[in-house]
Amino acid sequence: MKLKSKRYNTAREQVDSLERFELADAVAKLAQFPKAKFDETVELSIHLGVDPRQSSQMVRGIVNLPKGSGKKVRVIAFTESPELALEAGAEEAGMDELMNKIQGGWLDFDIAVATPSAMKEVRKLARVLGPRGLMPNPKSGTVSEDVAAAIKDIKLGGRVEFKMDKTANIGVIVGKRSHSEADLVENIHAVIDAIAKARPENLKGKYVCSMAVSSTMSPSVKLASTLYNF
């Protein structure tokens, strides 16, 4: 069993695992934890009361973080007009050559966008991109007639995607430790609102069971149920 670092254990002593915090207090508590030597990512973790075996209860979506994610996002674009995508900030753009590169094992990107017409060919990559969550999807805003605008939204607008896993959990990036507490609170509120709107229509009973905020190298700080009583 791997031992936790001294930094982690010091932080762990500062929070009671049974205590629940209002959002501003939770972020303030997180800010008190010892910092790593790099700018840690802050994440909101959500456990849902849905049945992940039912496709009708799948929870996924996108949210624009008002204060940005603080993360550099590498974007590629499947499009018949690669020059426009590259001007908008895409790392790679095109069709056949880009598809062949991916089929050859290249996956050095975070998000793929595509035009609707390009998707006819891009679907051939479903077995490669799908399991990694990289397949362009209209619901996540990564299939668009205006690929350049989609790229700019992703690059500059702090847009992040969330998707429930097989255990009904979701992890969403909400910023960096270098963000101010106020900025993190605003970003987290935006994510909570997006999760609320993504509630499956056919779900009966409790939707969100728990929420917690943490950074890359810290323990989690659990949020008060009043924040997700929807």
Protein backbone atom coordinates (compact mmCIF):
# COMPACT_ATOMS: atom_id res chain seq x y z
CA MET A 1 0.00 0.00 0.00
CA LYS A 2 1.44 3.36 -1.05
CA LEU A 3 1.93 5.76 1.82
CA LYS A 4 0.45 9.25 1.60
CA SER A 5 2.85 12.18 1.49
CA LYS A 6 3.60 14.35 4.51
CA ARG A 7 1.86 17.23 2.71
CA TYR A 8 -1.30 15.15 2.22
CA ASN A 9 -1.33 13.93 5.82
CA THR A 10 -0.89 17.48 7.09
CA ALA A 11 -3.90 18.57 5.03
CA ARG A 12 -5.88 15.54 6.16
CA GLU A 13 -5.48 16.58 9.77
CA GLN A 14 -7.13 19.92 8.97
CA VAL A 15 -10.48 18.50 7.86
CA ASP A 16 -12.99 16.18 9.53
CA SER A 17 -14.20 13.55 7.05
CA LEU A 18 -17.70 13.80 8.54
CA GLU A 19 -17.93 17.58 8.29
CA ARG A 20 -19.85 19.23 5.46
CA PHE A 21 -19.07 22.78 4.30
CA GLU A 22 -20.90 25.53 2.50
CA LEU A 23 -19.16 26.27 -0.79
CA ALA A 24 -17.18 29.38 0.19
CA ASP A 25 -16.04 27.66 3.40
CA ALA A 26 -15.02 24.53 1.49
CA VAL A 27 -12.90 26.53 -0.96
CA ALA A 28 -11.36 28.48 1.92
CA LYS A 29 -10.49 25.21 3.64
CA LEU A 30 -8.90 23.90 0.44
CA ALA A 31 -6.83 27.08 0.19
CA GLN A 32 -5.40 26.39 3.65
CA PHE A 33 -3.92 23.04 2.63
CA PRO A 34 -0.17 22.89 1.91
CA LYS A 35 0.53 23.48 -1.80
CA ALA A 36 2.52 21.28 -4.15
CA LYS A 37 5.41 22.63 -6.22
CA PHE A 38 3.15 22.91 -9.28
CA ASP A 39 -0.18 24.61 -9.89
CA GLU A 40 -2.61 21.88 -8.86
CA THR A 41 -5.89 21.31 -10.66
CA VAL A 42 -9.04 21.75 -8.57
CA GLU A 43 -11.84 19.27 -9.23
CA LEU A 44 -15.45 18.90 -8.16
CA SER A 45 -16.43 15.28 -7.57
CA ILE A 46 -20.09 14.24 -7.70
CA HIS A 47 -21.70 10.91 -6.81
CA LEU A 48 -25.10 10.47 -8.42
CA GLY A 49 -28.12 8.43 -7.40
CA VAL A 50 -28.83 7.27 -10.95
CA ASP A 51 -28.56 3.79 -12.46
CA PRO A 52 -25.51 3.86 -14.77
CA ARG A 53 -26.75 0.70 -16.49
CA GLN A 54 -29.68 2.60 -17.99
CA SER A 55 -28.81 4.67 -21.05
CA SER A 56 -31.80 6.92 -20.31
CA GLN A 57 -30.11 7.97 -17.06
CA MET A 58 -26.76 8.89 -18.56
CA VAL A 59 -25.59 12.29 -17.30
CA ARG A 60 -23.25 14.32 -19.49
CA GLY A 61 -22.91 17.85 -20.76
CA ILE A 62 -20.69 20.87 -21.10
CA VAL A 63 -20.25 23.97 -19.00
CA ASN A 64 -18.44 27.24 -19.59
CA LEU A 65 -16.43 28.15 -16.51
CA PRO A 66 -16.86 31.93 -16.10
CA LYS A 67 -13.33 32.30 -14.73
CA GLY A 68 -11.70 29.76 -17.02
CA SER A 69 -10.24 26.33 -16.26
CA GLY A 70 -6.62 27.48 -16.14
CA LYS A 71 -5.72 24.49 -18.30
CA LYS A 72 -4.20 24.59 -21.76
CA VAL A 73 -6.50 22.52 -23.96
CA ARG A 74 -5.15 20.84 -27.09
CA VAL A 75 -7.82 20.79 -29.80
CA ILE A 76 -7.92 19.07 -33.18
CA ALA A 77 -10.52 19.61 -35.88
CA PHE A 78 -11.96 17.35 -38.54
CA THR A 79 -12.97 19.80 -41.23
CA GLU A 80 -12.84 20.45 -44.94
CA SER A 81 -11.46 23.94 -44.17
CA PRO A 82 -8.41 23.23 -41.99
CA GLU A 83 -6.93 26.71 -42.44
CA LEU A 84 -9.87 28.28 -40.57
CA ALA A 85 -9.53 25.80 -37.72
CA LEU A 86 -5.79 26.41 -37.43
CA GLU A 87 -6.33 30.17 -37.37
CA ALA A 88 -8.82 29.66 -34.52
CA GLY A 89 -6.17 27.86 -32.48
CA ALA A 90 -6.47 24.16 -33.34
CA GLU A 91 -3.25 22.17 -32.93
CA GLU A 92 -4.10 19.96 -35.91
CA ALA A 93 -6.84 20.13 -38.56
CA GLY A 94 -7.88 18.30 -41.69
CA MET A 95 -9.49 15.04 -42.76
CA ASP A 96 -7.77 12.01 -44.30
CA GLU A 97 -4.23 12.79 -43.17
CA LEU A 98 -5.39 13.57 -39.63
CA MET A 99 -7.53 10.42 -39.48
CA ASN A 100 -4.63 8.28 -40.68
CA LYS A 101 -2.39 9.83 -38.04
CA ILE A 102 -4.88 8.88 -35.31
CA GLN A 103 -5.34 5.38 -36.70
CA GLY A 104 -1.57 5.08 -36.47
CA GLY A 105 -1.73 5.65 -32.72
CA TRP A 106 -1.37 9.42 -32.32
CA LEU A 107 -3.65 10.75 -29.56
CA ASP A 108 -1.77 13.81 -28.31
CA PHE A 109 -4.86 16.02 -27.87
CA ASP A 110 -7.63 16.70 -25.35
CA ILE A 111 -10.70 17.51 -27.47
CA ALA A 112 -11.72 16.80 -31.06
CA VAL A 113 -14.26 18.91 -32.93
CA ALA A 114 -15.84 18.24 -36.30
CA THR A 115 -18.30 19.58 -38.84
CA PRO A 116 -21.51 17.56 -39.32
CA SER A 117 -20.43 16.57 -42.84
CA ALA A 118 -17.02 15.41 -41.59
CA MET A 119 -18.66 13.08 -39.06
CA LYS A 120 -19.56 10.67 -41.85
CA GLU A 121 -15.86 9.80 -42.06
CA VAL A 122 -14.91 10.48 -38.43
CA ARG A 123 -17.29 7.73 -37.27
CA LYS A 124 -14.72 5.28 -38.60
CA LEU A 125 -12.57 6.31 -35.62
CA ALA A 126 -15.28 5.51 -33.07
CA ARG A 127 -13.45 2.45 -31.72
CA VAL A 128 -10.34 4.55 -31.12
CA LEU A 129 -11.84 7.81 -29.89
CA GLY A 130 -15.02 6.58 -28.21
CA PRO A 131 -13.49 4.62 -25.28
CA ARG A 132 -11.24 7.61 -24.52
CA GLY A 133 -14.09 10.11 -24.52
CA LEU A 134 -12.59 11.93 -27.50
CA MET A 135 -15.32 11.33 -30.09
CA PRO A 136 -16.95 14.56 -31.31
CA ASN A 137 -20.55 14.72 -30.13
CA PRO A 138 -23.35 17.23 -30.83
CA LYS A 139 -24.48 17.09 -27.18
CA SER A 140 -21.07 18.25 -25.99
CA GLY A 141 -20.90 21.02 -28.57
CA THR A 142 -17.97 19.45 -30.43
CA VAL A 143 -19.91 18.89 -33.66
CA SER A 144 -20.64 22.27 -35.23
CA GLU A 145 -21.00 23.94 -38.61
CA ASP A 146 -18.83 26.75 -37.20
CA VAL A 147 -15.77 24.79 -36.12
CA ALA A 148 -13.69 27.95 -35.63
CA ALA A 149 -16.20 29.31 -33.10
CA ALA A 150 -16.29 25.96 -31.29
CA ILE A 151 -12.50 25.94 -31.03
CA LYS A 152 -12.43 29.48 -29.65
CA ASP A 153 -15.10 28.58 -27.07
CA ILE A 154 -13.02 25.64 -25.91
CA LYS A 155 -9.71 27.49 -25.92
CA LEU A 156 -10.80 30.81 -24.44
CA GLY A 157 -14.15 30.25 -22.78
CA GLY A 158 -13.13 27.78 -20.11
CA ARG A 159 -15.45 25.14 -21.51
CA VAL A 160 -15.20 21.74 -19.85
CA GLU A 161 -17.12 18.55 -20.49
CA PHE A 162 -18.53 16.26 -17.83
CA LYS A 163 -19.65 12.66 -18.20
CA MET A 164 -20.79 10.09 -15.68
CA ASP A 165 -18.69 6.94 -15.39
CA LYS A 166 -19.83 3.35 -14.83
CA THR A 167 -20.05 3.87 -11.07
CA ALA A 168 -22.30 6.95 -11.31
CA ASN A 169 -19.46 9.35 -10.47
CA ILE A 170 -18.46 12.56 -12.23
CA GLY A 171 -15.23 14.52 -11.89
CA VAL A 172 -15.19 18.06 -13.32
CA ILE A 173 -12.23 20.44 -13.50
CA VAL A 174 -13.21 23.75 -11.90
CA GLY A 175 -9.91 25.62 -11.98
CA LYS A 176 -6.42 25.76 -10.49
CA ARG A 177 -5.04 26.42 -7.03
CA SER A 178 -3.78 29.73 -8.47
CA HIS A 179 -7.39 30.87 -9.01
CA SER A 180 -8.73 33.16 -6.31
CA GLU A 181 -11.24 31.70 -3.88
CA ALA A 182 -13.98 33.90 -5.35
CA ASP A 183 -13.20 32.68 -8.88
CA LEU A 184 -13.29 29.04 -7.81
CA VAL A 185 -16.62 29.56 -6.05
CA GLU A 186 -18.07 31.13 -9.21
CA ASN A 187 -16.79 28.29 -11.39
CA ILE A 188 -18.15 25.63 -9.03
CA HIS A 189 -21.55 27.29 -8.93
CA ALA A 190 -21.60 27.14 -12.74
CA VAL A 191 -20.83 23.41 -12.68
CA ILE A 192 -23.47 22.68 -10.03
CA ASP A 193 -26.06 24.54 -12.12
CA ALA A 194 -25.07 22.49 -15.19
CA ILE A 195 -25.34 19.23 -13.25
CA ALA A 196 -28.80 20.25 -12.03
CA LYS A 197 -29.97 20.93 -15.59
CA ALA A 198 -28.62 17.55 -16.73
CA ARG A 199 -30.92 15.59 -14.39
CA PRO A 200 -32.54 12.69 -16.34
CA GLU A 201 -36.24 13.29 -16.91
CA ASN A 202 -37.23 9.76 -15.93
CA LEU A 203 -35.26 9.70 -12.67
CA LYS A 204 -37.26 9.15 -9.51
CA GLY A 205 -35.68 9.69 -6.14
CA LYS A 206 -32.43 11.32 -5.13
CA TYR A 207 -30.34 12.70 -7.97
CA VAL A 208 -27.10 13.86 -6.29
CA CYS A 209 -25.87 11.87 -3.30
CA SER A 210 -22.71 13.81 -2.49
CA MET A 211 -20.29 16.44 -3.72
CA ALA A 212 -16.73 17.24 -2.72
CA VAL A 213 -13.96 19.54 -3.86
CA SER A 214 -10.27 18.67 -3.93
CA SER A 215 -7.00 19.51 -5.65
CA THR A 216 -4.51 17.18 -7.32
CA MET A 217 -2.51 16.48 -4.17
CA SER A 218 -5.08 17.14 -1.43
CA PRO A 219 -7.81 15.26 0.42
CA SER A 220 -11.39 16.13 -0.47
CA VAL A 221 -13.59 18.63 1.32
CA LYS A 222 -17.23 17.55 1.36
CA LEU A 223 -19.97 20.02 0.48
CA ALA A 224 -23.20 20.65 2.39
CA SER A 225 -26.25 18.91 0.93
CA THR A 226 -28.04 22.27 0.68
CA LEU A 227 -25.87 22.96 -2.37
CA TYR A 228 -27.24 20.00 -4.35
CA ASN A 229 -30.74 19.53 -3.01
CA PHE A 230 -32.36 19.59 -6.45
